[in-house]
Amino acid sequence: MTNEEISTMVETSDEWISTRTGIKERRICTKETITDLAVTAAKNALEDAKAAPEELDMIICGTIRGGVYQSIRGLRDTEKAGRRCPAFDVNAACSGFLYCMDVAAGFLPGNG
């Protein structure tokens, strides 16, 4: 869905959205759930890193929409991927990824 399409539903514009978030378009899931996507992404990330779930120190999940009201998406999804470490969500809508990166940096040695 493009920003132009969104502007037909709410009072906004492509320029307003893209200058504030950098987002031009997004994908709409019709068959998979948020959990399906998150579990697959977690498993793929572990495989790409050649890491096991027990090697993770923390998982931070950027989301604004959970499967249930105020769900702890990071906990629920990563349990299915084999997580054994603390996990939490950062609910920050479009800028969630950037907020997660900033929060994660605070947990790295020398940044706290």
C-alpha atoms as a PDB file:
ATOM      1  CA  MET A   1       0.000   0.000   0.000  1.00  0.00           C
ATOM      2  CA  THR A   2       1.492   3.300  -1.061  1.00  0.00           C
ATOM      3  CA  ASN A   3       1.372   6.557   0.862  1.00  0.00           C
ATOM      4  CA  GLU A   4      -0.924   7.909  -1.865  1.00  0.00           C
ATOM      5  CA  GLU A   5      -3.387   5.093  -1.140  1.00  0.00           C
ATOM      6  CA  ILE A   6      -3.240   5.867   2.577  1.00  0.00           C
ATOM      7  CA  SER A   7      -3.935   9.533   1.841  1.00  0.00           C
ATOM      8  CA  THR A   8      -7.326   8.538   0.428  1.00  0.00           C
ATOM      9  CA  MET A   9      -8.281   7.056   3.823  1.00  0.00           C
ATOM     10  CA  VAL A  10      -6.836   9.609   6.249  1.00  0.00           C
ATOM     11  CA  GLU A  11      -5.766  13.227   5.997  1.00  0.00           C
ATOM     12  CA  THR A  12      -2.100  12.909   5.008  1.00  0.00           C
ATOM     13  CA  SER A  13       0.128  12.910   1.933  1.00  0.00           C
ATOM     14  CA  ASP A  14       3.025  10.989   0.478  1.00  0.00           C
ATOM     15  CA  GLU A  15       5.288  13.967   1.203  1.00  0.00           C
ATOM     16  CA  TRP A  16       4.211  14.165   4.863  1.00  0.00           C
ATOM     17  CA  ILE A  17       4.762  10.440   5.492  1.00  0.00           C
ATOM     18  CA  SER A  18       7.958  10.005   3.481  1.00  0.00           C
ATOM     19  CA  THR A  19       9.754  13.054   4.900  1.00  0.00           C
ATOM     20  CA  ARG A  20       9.017  11.970   8.474  1.00  0.00           C
ATOM     21  CA  THR A  21       9.519   8.204   8.169  1.00  0.00           C
ATOM     22  CA  GLY A  22      11.237   7.484   4.854  1.00  0.00           C
ATOM     23  CA  ILE A  23       8.459   4.996   4.096  1.00  0.00           C
ATOM     24  CA  LYS A  24       7.041   5.064   0.562  1.00  0.00           C
ATOM     25  CA  GLU A  25       5.007   1.870   0.627  1.00  0.00           C
ATOM     26  CA  ARG A  26       4.300  -1.149   2.784  1.00  0.00           C
ATOM     27  CA  ARG A  27       3.098  -4.698   2.276  1.00  0.00           C
ATOM     28  CA  ILE A  28      -0.206  -6.063   3.524  1.00  0.00           C
ATOM     29  CA  CYS A  29      -0.299  -9.655   4.782  1.00  0.00           C
ATOM     30  CA  THR A  30      -3.354 -11.574   3.724  1.00  0.00           C
ATOM     31  CA  LYS A  31      -2.418 -15.139   4.678  1.00  0.00           C
ATOM     32  CA  GLU A  32       0.396 -14.987   7.222  1.00  0.00           C
ATOM     33  CA  THR A  33       0.037 -13.663  10.743  1.00  0.00           C
ATOM     34  CA  ILE A  34       2.470 -11.343  12.473  1.00  0.00           C
ATOM     35  CA  THR A  35       3.633 -14.356  14.477  1.00  0.00           C
ATOM     36  CA  ASP A  36       4.270 -16.390  11.311  1.00  0.00           C
ATOM     37  CA  LEU A  37       6.444 -13.618   9.890  1.00  0.00           C
ATOM     38  CA  ALA A  38       8.326 -12.978  13.140  1.00  0.00           C
ATOM     39  CA  VAL A  39       9.106 -16.648  13.776  1.00  0.00           C
ATOM     40  CA  THR A  40      10.362 -17.127  10.210  1.00  0.00           C
ATOM     41  CA  ALA A  41      12.486 -13.967  10.456  1.00  0.00           C
ATOM     42  CA  ALA A  42      13.965 -15.070  13.800  1.00  0.00           C
ATOM     43  CA  LYS A  43      14.825 -18.532  12.490  1.00  0.00           C
ATOM     44  CA  ASN A  44      16.360 -17.068   9.309  1.00  0.00           C
ATOM     45  CA  ALA A  45      18.410 -14.551  11.307  1.00  0.00           C
ATOM     46  CA  LEU A  46      19.771 -17.297  13.560  1.00  0.00           C
ATOM     47  CA  GLU A  47      20.610 -19.464  10.557  1.00  0.00           C
ATOM     48  CA  ASP A  48      22.330 -16.583   8.723  1.00  0.00           C
ATOM     49  CA  ALA A  49      24.361 -15.785  11.854  1.00  0.00           C
ATOM     50  CA  LYS A  50      25.141 -19.483  12.369  1.00  0.00           C
ATOM     51  CA  ALA A  51      23.893 -19.023  15.929  1.00  0.00           C
ATOM     52  CA  ALA A  52      21.721 -21.075  18.238  1.00  0.00           C
ATOM     53  CA  PRO A  53      18.775 -19.568  20.156  1.00  0.00           C
ATOM     54  CA  GLU A  54      20.563 -20.135  23.472  1.00  0.00           C
ATOM     55  CA  GLU A  55      23.364 -17.805  22.325  1.00  0.00           C
ATOM     56  CA  LEU A  56      21.042 -14.772  22.265  1.00  0.00           C
ATOM     57  CA  ASP A  57      21.308 -12.259  25.095  1.00  0.00           C
ATOM     58  CA  MET A  58      18.152 -10.247  24.365  1.00  0.00           C
ATOM     59  CA  ILE A  59      15.454  -9.779  21.746  1.00  0.00           C
ATOM     60  CA  ILE A  60      13.771  -6.441  21.092  1.00  0.00           C
ATOM     61  CA  CYS A  61      10.727  -6.486  18.831  1.00  0.00           C
ATOM     62  CA  GLY A  62       9.489  -3.327  17.136  1.00  0.00           C
ATOM     63  CA  THR A  63       5.748  -3.450  16.635  1.00  0.00           C
ATOM     64  CA  ILE A  64       2.562  -1.479  16.945  1.00  0.00           C
ATOM     65  CA  ARG A  65       0.111  -4.257  16.320  1.00  0.00           C
ATOM     66  CA  GLY A  66       0.089  -7.469  18.250  1.00  0.00           C
ATOM     67  CA  GLY A  67      -2.011 -10.567  17.792  1.00  0.00           C
ATOM     68  CA  VAL A  68      -3.847  -9.713  20.987  1.00  0.00           C
ATOM     69  CA  TYR A  69      -4.341  -6.488  22.935  1.00  0.00           C
ATOM     70  CA  GLN A  70      -1.044  -5.424  24.521  1.00  0.00           C
ATOM     71  CA  SER A  71       0.646  -8.674  23.605  1.00  0.00           C
ATOM     72  CA  ILE A  72       4.296  -9.157  24.280  1.00  0.00           C
ATOM     73  CA  ARG A  73       5.028  -9.927  20.663  1.00  0.00           C
ATOM     74  CA  GLY A  74       8.772 -10.424  21.117  1.00  0.00           C
ATOM     75  CA  LEU A  75       8.239 -12.986  23.858  1.00  0.00           C
ATOM     76  CA  ARG A  76       5.474 -14.913  22.194  1.00  0.00           C
ATOM     77  CA  ASP A  77       7.072 -15.105  18.747  1.00  0.00           C
ATOM     78  CA  THR A  78      10.587 -15.885  19.824  1.00  0.00           C
ATOM     79  CA  GLU A  79       9.523 -18.671  22.166  1.00  0.00           C
ATOM     80  CA  LYS A  80       8.414 -20.475  19.019  1.00  0.00           C
ATOM     81  CA  ALA A  81      11.868 -19.869  17.514  1.00  0.00           C
ATOM     82  CA  GLY A  82      13.608 -21.324  20.573  1.00  0.00           C
ATOM     83  CA  ARG A  83      14.335 -18.176  22.599  1.00  0.00           C
ATOM     84  CA  ARG A  84      15.698 -18.549  26.124  1.00  0.00           C
ATOM     85  CA  CYS A  85      16.642 -14.914  26.829  1.00  0.00           C
ATOM     86  CA  PRO A  86      14.747 -11.770  27.865  1.00  0.00           C
ATOM     87  CA  ALA A  87      12.604 -10.231  25.133  1.00  0.00           C
ATOM     88  CA  PHE A  88      10.373  -7.179  24.976  1.00  0.00           C
ATOM     89  CA  ASP A  89       8.475  -5.001  22.531  1.00  0.00           C
ATOM     90  CA  VAL A  90       8.963  -1.393  21.596  1.00  0.00           C
ATOM     91  CA  ASN A  91       5.607  -0.075  20.376  1.00  0.00           C
ATOM     92  CA  ALA A  92       6.521   2.852  18.160  1.00  0.00           C
ATOM     93  CA  ALA A  93       4.607   2.446  14.882  1.00  0.00           C
ATOM     94  CA  CYS A  94       6.474   3.493  11.740  1.00  0.00           C
ATOM     95  CA  SER A  95       9.667   4.491  13.520  1.00  0.00           C
ATOM     96  CA  GLY A  96       9.775   1.306  15.625  1.00  0.00           C
ATOM     97  CA  PHE A  97      12.896  -0.045  13.928  1.00  0.00           C
ATOM     98  CA  LEU A  98      14.859   3.110  14.732  1.00  0.00           C
ATOM     99  CA  TYR A  99      13.660   3.115  18.332  1.00  0.00           C
ATOM    100  CA  CYS A 100      14.659  -0.562  18.658  1.00  0.00           C
ATOM    101  CA  MET A 101      18.139   0.174  17.317  1.00  0.00           C
ATOM    102  CA  ASP A 102      18.552   3.003  19.835  1.00  0.00           C
ATOM    103  CA  VAL A 103      17.287   0.885  22.736  1.00  0.00           C
ATOM    104  CA  ALA A 104      19.531  -2.018  21.695  1.00  0.00           C
ATOM    105  CA  ALA A 105      22.587   0.260  21.534  1.00  0.00           C
ATOM    106  CA  GLY A 106      21.988   1.142  25.195  1.00  0.00           C
ATOM    107  CA  PHE A 107      22.446  -2.514  26.150  1.00  0.00           C
ATOM    108  CA  LEU A 108      25.798  -2.907  24.360  1.00  0.00           C
ATOM    109  CA  PRO A 109      28.939  -2.818  26.513  1.00  0.00           C
ATOM    110  CA  GLY A 110      30.303   0.706  26.778  1.00  0.00           C
ATOM    111  CA  ASN A 111      27.024   2.384  25.786  1.00  0.00           C
ATOM    112  CA  GLY A 112      25.095   2.176  29.046  1.00  0.00           C
END
